[in-house]
Amino acid sequence: MRLSEIWIYPVKSLGGIRQTQAQVEEKGLQYDRRWMIVDENGKFLTQRVNAKMALLDVAIHAEGLVIFHRFQADDQVLVPFEAISNQTIQVKVWDDVVLARTICDQADLWLSTQLGKNVRIVEMSEQTQRNMDSAYSGKVALVSFADDFPYLLISEGSLQDLNSRLDHPVIMKRFRPNFVISGTEPFAEDFWQKVRIGQVEFIVAKPCERCVLVTIDPITGQKGSEPLKTLAKYRKVDKNIFFGQNLVSLQNGLVREGDELVITLS
């Protein structure tokens, strides 16, 4: 079993970036979901309510993040690593209220124009403490602006199984994983408790609950009913639909495409 793909999503709910290697940190991979777009009340925005976010891609430059429209690549804005406005404000992501810092009025204006409402982009500073539920990790752990957990893993076999049931196959980007694993049977990841990727060990904390976000085509931003409709037929437990596994890291370190995945507890 091998790590075949590594993905980060620097701005929550915007486009992802595939990497050949990435630094594992407690809150998630370096740069992963350390930025977030919020409304005038400081509440987070996602594609669930604003599908236009699916069309905004992100690149990492020396000076900061560059956000651009997928079909208008020249229409872009820089979100500098060195904050200009640099105000500390309260923001809300799900039930958590934490402190974040504003970055740049110009970026706020550009994003507001793109999304059709007044928004701001904020950064999770090193001092921001957002605790995840320790019941799933066995320890007090921090998480970024991700929904619940620092890491998400899905196997290629699981996607292949799903696509065998669909009239129109979907791509892995629908599910926004950090780690994609090759060389497994479909849904083998459901039975792992601890794994090691390269030299870094992870707890396999709980299955990932899927929502309407996976019905948004990550390329076009168009909504549909699939693949959630099909997943509900065979991946539903009680009222929840599961696809992929949430992870928590037990140490920091570097992971690379091609690293071996070893099950250390099943």
Protein backbone atom coordinates (compact mmCIF):
# COMPACT_ATOMS: atom_id res chain seq x y z
CA MET A 1 0.00 0.00 0.00
CA ARG A 2 1.34 3.40 -1.01
CA LEU A 3 0.58 7.08 -0.55
CA SER A 4 -0.36 7.96 -4.13
CA GLU A 5 -1.56 11.55 -3.69
CA ILE A 6 -1.12 14.36 -1.13
CA TRP A 7 -3.50 17.34 -1.09
CA ILE A 8 -3.75 20.55 0.89
CA TYR A 9 -6.56 23.11 0.87
CA PRO A 10 -5.01 26.34 2.19
CA VAL A 11 -8.30 28.29 2.21
CA LYS A 12 -11.24 26.36 3.60
CA SER A 13 -13.63 25.31 0.78
CA LEU A 14 -11.51 26.75 -2.05
CA GLY A 15 -9.49 24.67 -4.52
CA GLY A 16 -6.83 22.23 -3.41
CA ILE A 17 -3.15 21.91 -4.26
CA ARG A 18 -1.51 18.56 -4.97
CA GLN A 19 1.95 18.18 -3.47
CA THR A 20 4.71 15.62 -3.86
CA GLN A 21 5.63 15.96 -0.19
CA ALA A 22 4.18 17.74 2.82
CA GLN A 23 5.00 18.51 6.43
CA VAL A 24 2.77 16.80 9.00
CA GLU A 25 1.81 19.11 11.87
CA GLU A 26 -0.62 18.68 14.74
CA LYS A 27 -3.31 20.89 13.20
CA GLY A 28 -2.96 19.27 9.77
CA LEU A 29 -0.53 19.43 6.87
CA GLN A 30 1.46 22.66 6.64
CA TYR A 31 -0.71 25.40 5.08
CA ASP A 32 -3.79 23.17 5.09
CA ARG A 33 -6.94 25.14 5.97
CA ARG A 34 -5.04 27.80 7.89
CA TRP A 35 -7.12 30.47 6.07
CA MET A 36 -10.89 30.84 5.96
CA ILE A 37 -13.47 33.15 4.41
CA VAL A 38 -16.04 34.62 6.81
CA ASP A 39 -19.10 36.83 6.46
CA GLU A 40 -19.72 40.18 8.16
CA ASN A 41 -20.57 38.35 11.40
CA GLY A 42 -17.40 36.29 11.37
CA LYS A 43 -19.19 33.07 10.39
CA PHE A 44 -17.37 30.72 8.05
CA LEU A 45 -18.43 30.21 4.45
CA THR A 46 -18.26 26.97 2.46
CA GLN A 47 -19.36 25.60 -0.89
CA ARG A 48 -22.40 24.13 0.85
CA VAL A 49 -24.08 27.54 0.65
CA ASN A 50 -21.89 29.31 -1.93
CA ALA A 51 -20.92 26.96 -4.77
CA LYS A 52 -18.96 29.77 -6.46
CA MET A 53 -16.16 28.96 -4.03
CA ALA A 54 -15.50 25.76 -6.00
CA LEU A 55 -14.22 27.88 -8.92
CA LEU A 56 -11.58 29.72 -6.90
CA ASP A 57 -8.16 28.07 -6.95
CA VAL A 58 -5.14 28.73 -4.77
CA ALA A 59 -1.39 28.72 -5.39
CA ILE A 60 1.41 29.22 -2.88
CA HIS A 61 3.99 31.87 -3.80
CA ALA A 62 6.94 33.22 -1.84
CA GLU A 63 4.97 36.29 -0.74
CA GLY A 64 1.74 34.53 0.13
CA LEU A 65 -1.28 32.80 -1.36
CA VAL A 66 -2.52 33.73 -4.81
CA ILE A 67 -6.25 33.15 -5.28
CA PHE A 68 -7.57 33.13 -8.83
CA HIS A 69 -10.69 32.26 -10.79
CA ARG A 70 -10.27 28.91 -12.53
CA PHE A 71 -11.60 30.13 -15.87
CA GLN A 72 -10.10 33.61 -15.64
CA ALA A 73 -6.58 32.96 -14.39
CA ASP A 74 -5.53 36.60 -14.80
CA ASP A 75 -8.24 37.63 -12.34
CA GLN A 76 -6.36 37.07 -9.10
CA VAL A 77 -5.39 38.52 -5.76
CA LEU A 78 -2.47 38.09 -3.36
CA VAL A 79 -3.13 37.14 0.25
CA PRO A 80 0.23 38.04 1.83
CA PHE A 81 1.85 35.95 4.52
CA GLU A 82 2.71 39.22 6.26
CA ALA A 83 -0.69 40.57 7.24
CA ILE A 84 -1.45 44.19 6.37
CA SER A 85 -4.72 44.86 8.20
CA ASN A 86 -3.71 42.45 10.99
CA GLN A 87 -6.73 42.80 13.26
CA THR A 88 -7.66 40.07 15.72
CA ILE A 89 -11.33 39.12 15.43
CA GLN A 90 -13.60 36.35 16.66
CA VAL A 91 -14.69 33.88 14.00
CA LYS A 92 -17.06 30.95 14.11
CA VAL A 93 -16.50 27.59 12.41
CA TRP A 94 -19.33 25.19 13.21
CA ASP A 95 -19.77 25.37 17.01
CA ASP A 96 -16.29 26.71 17.70
CA VAL A 97 -15.57 30.39 18.29
CA VAL A 98 -11.86 31.20 18.01
CA LEU A 99 -9.58 34.14 17.37
CA ALA A 100 -8.16 34.78 13.90
CA ARG A 101 -6.43 37.68 12.22
CA THR A 102 -7.49 39.68 9.21
CA ILE A 103 -4.96 39.99 6.43
CA CYS A 104 -5.61 42.39 3.59
CA ASP A 105 -8.48 44.73 2.65
CA GLN A 106 -7.69 44.31 -1.04
CA ALA A 107 -8.13 40.54 -0.79
CA ASP A 108 -11.39 41.04 1.13
CA LEU A 109 -12.72 43.29 -1.63
CA TRP A 110 -11.70 40.88 -4.41
CA LEU A 111 -13.32 37.92 -2.66
CA SER A 112 -16.46 39.93 -1.93
CA THR A 113 -16.79 40.69 -5.64
CA GLN A 114 -16.25 37.05 -6.60
CA LEU A 115 -18.74 35.68 -4.08
CA GLY A 116 -21.39 38.40 -4.33
CA LYS A 117 -21.43 39.36 -0.64
CA ASN A 118 -19.25 41.16 1.89
CA VAL A 119 -16.64 38.75 3.19
CA ARG A 120 -13.19 38.76 4.75
CA ILE A 121 -10.37 36.27 4.62
CA VAL A 122 -8.79 35.45 7.97
CA GLU A 123 -5.78 33.44 9.06
CA MET A 124 -5.38 31.02 11.93
CA SER A 125 -2.34 32.33 13.76
CA GLU A 126 0.04 30.11 15.69
CA GLN A 127 -1.59 31.31 18.89
CA THR A 128 -5.08 30.20 17.83
CA GLN A 129 -6.20 27.18 19.83
CA ARG A 130 -9.03 25.12 18.34
CA ASN A 131 -9.40 21.82 20.14
CA MET A 132 -10.88 18.77 18.50
CA ASP A 133 -12.94 16.17 20.34
CA SER A 134 -10.44 14.10 22.36
CA ALA A 135 -12.91 11.19 22.51
CA TYR A 136 -11.80 10.18 19.02
CA SER A 137 -8.07 10.66 19.36
CA GLY A 138 -7.38 9.62 22.93
CA LYS A 139 -5.57 12.90 23.55
CA VAL A 140 -6.12 16.63 23.49
CA ALA A 141 -5.36 17.65 19.91
CA LEU A 142 -5.59 20.82 17.88
CA VAL A 143 -7.25 21.19 14.49
CA SER A 144 -7.13 23.87 11.80
CA PHE A 145 -10.23 25.38 10.17
CA ALA A 146 -11.07 21.90 8.82
CA ASP A 147 -14.55 20.67 9.72
CA ASP A 148 -13.62 18.23 12.47
CA PHE A 149 -10.27 16.52 12.08
CA PRO A 150 -6.76 17.42 10.92
CA TYR A 151 -6.50 14.71 8.21
CA LEU A 152 -8.70 12.78 5.78
CA LEU A 153 -7.66 9.57 4.03
CA ILE A 154 -9.43 7.75 1.18
CA SER A 155 -8.28 4.74 -0.80
CA GLU A 156 -8.34 4.55 -4.59
CA GLY A 157 -10.16 1.23 -4.20
CA SER A 158 -13.06 2.90 -2.40
CA LEU A 159 -13.47 5.45 -5.18
CA GLN A 160 -13.28 2.74 -7.84
CA ASP A 161 -16.02 0.82 -6.04
CA LEU A 162 -18.22 3.90 -5.92
CA ASN A 163 -17.61 4.71 -9.58
CA SER A 164 -18.60 1.16 -10.58
CA ARG A 165 -22.07 2.01 -9.25
CA LEU A 166 -22.42 5.42 -10.93
CA ASP A 167 -23.57 6.26 -14.44
CA HIS A 168 -21.04 9.09 -14.52
CA PRO A 169 -17.80 8.50 -12.56
CA VAL A 170 -16.57 11.18 -10.18
CA ILE A 171 -13.02 12.22 -9.37
CA MET A 172 -11.32 12.05 -6.00
CA LYS A 173 -11.35 15.86 -5.73
CA ARG A 174 -15.05 15.63 -4.83
CA PHE A 175 -14.10 14.32 -1.41
CA ARG A 176 -11.21 16.65 -0.59
CA PRO A 177 -8.84 14.10 1.01
CA ASN A 178 -5.35 14.88 2.27
CA PHE A 179 -4.08 11.37 1.61
CA VAL A 180 -5.01 9.01 -1.22
CA ILE A 181 -3.86 5.41 -0.82
CA SER A 182 -3.26 2.86 -3.58
CA GLY A 183 -3.02 -0.93 -3.36
CA THR A 184 -6.00 -1.67 -1.09
CA GLU A 185 -9.34 -3.41 -1.37
CA PRO A 186 -12.36 -1.08 -1.40
CA PHE A 187 -13.02 0.38 2.05
CA ALA A 188 -10.09 -1.44 3.64
CA GLU A 189 -9.46 1.80 5.55
CA ASP A 190 -12.67 1.21 7.53
CA PHE A 191 -10.88 -1.48 9.52
CA TRP A 192 -7.65 0.28 10.44
CA GLN A 193 -7.00 1.75 13.89
CA LYS A 194 -3.43 3.01 13.48
CA VAL A 195 -1.28 3.41 10.39
CA ARG A 196 2.20 4.62 9.58
CA ILE A 197 2.81 6.61 6.40
CA GLY A 198 6.53 6.79 5.79
CA GLN A 199 7.87 7.51 9.28
CA VAL A 200 4.75 9.24 10.66
CA GLU A 201 2.09 7.40 12.64
CA PHE A 202 -1.60 8.31 12.67
CA ILE A 203 -4.67 7.29 14.64
CA VAL A 204 -7.57 6.35 12.38
CA ALA A 205 -10.13 8.22 14.46
CA LYS A 206 -13.55 7.79 12.82
CA PRO A 207 -15.30 7.56 9.45
CA CYS A 208 -15.92 10.82 7.62
CA GLU A 209 -19.56 11.90 7.38
CA ARG A 210 -20.41 13.19 3.91
CA CYS A 211 -22.80 16.02 3.07
CA VAL A 212 -24.12 17.91 0.05
CA LEU A 213 -20.66 19.37 -0.63
CA VAL A 214 -19.74 16.17 -2.51
CA THR A 215 -22.61 16.80 -4.94
CA ILE A 216 -20.81 19.91 -6.25
CA ASP A 217 -18.62 19.25 -9.27
CA PRO A 218 -15.19 20.60 -8.22
CA ILE A 219 -14.38 21.51 -11.83
CA THR A 220 -17.57 23.30 -12.90
CA GLY A 221 -19.17 24.25 -9.58
CA GLN A 222 -22.47 22.68 -10.71
CA LYS A 223 -24.65 20.87 -8.18
CA GLY A 224 -26.33 17.50 -8.67
CA SER A 225 -27.63 14.58 -6.63
CA GLU A 226 -24.66 12.27 -7.05
CA PRO A 227 -22.61 10.69 -5.65
CA LEU A 228 -24.47 11.21 -2.35
CA LYS A 229 -27.58 9.45 -3.66
CA THR A 230 -25.64 6.30 -4.51
CA LEU A 231 -23.51 6.39 -1.37
CA ALA A 232 -26.71 6.50 0.68
CA LYS A 233 -27.66 3.08 -0.71
CA TYR A 234 -24.69 1.24 0.71
CA ARG A 235 -22.63 3.56 2.94
CA LYS A 236 -25.36 4.82 5.27
CA VAL A 237 -25.33 4.05 8.99
CA ASP A 238 -28.33 5.39 10.88
CA LYS A 239 -28.73 8.82 9.25
CA ASN A 240 -25.10 9.38 8.32
CA ILE A 241 -23.34 8.62 5.03
CA PHE A 242 -19.65 7.70 5.34
CA PHE A 243 -16.79 7.80 2.86
CA GLY A 244 -13.15 8.02 3.94
CA GLN A 245 -11.50 8.04 7.33
CA ASN A 246 -10.47 10.93 9.58
CA LEU A 247 -6.96 10.77 11.04
CA VAL A 248 -5.01 12.39 13.87
CA SER A 249 -1.21 12.49 13.74
CA LEU A 250 0.84 11.17 16.62
CA GLN A 251 3.99 13.06 15.62
CA ASN A 252 5.29 15.62 13.18
CA GLY A 253 7.31 14.66 10.15
CA LEU A 254 7.51 14.62 6.37
CA VAL A 255 5.37 12.46 4.11
CA ARG A 256 6.06 11.93 0.42
CA GLU A 257 4.20 10.52 -2.55
CA GLY A 258 5.15 6.87 -2.83
CA ASP A 259 5.63 6.37 0.92
CA GLU A 260 4.55 2.97 2.13
CA LEU A 261 1.48 2.74 4.34
CA VAL A 262 1.78 0.15 7.10
CA ILE A 263 -1.10 -0.89 9.34
CA THR A 264 0.22 -0.81 12.90
CA LEU A 265 -3.10 -1.64 14.60
CA SER A 266 -6.27 -3.10 13.09
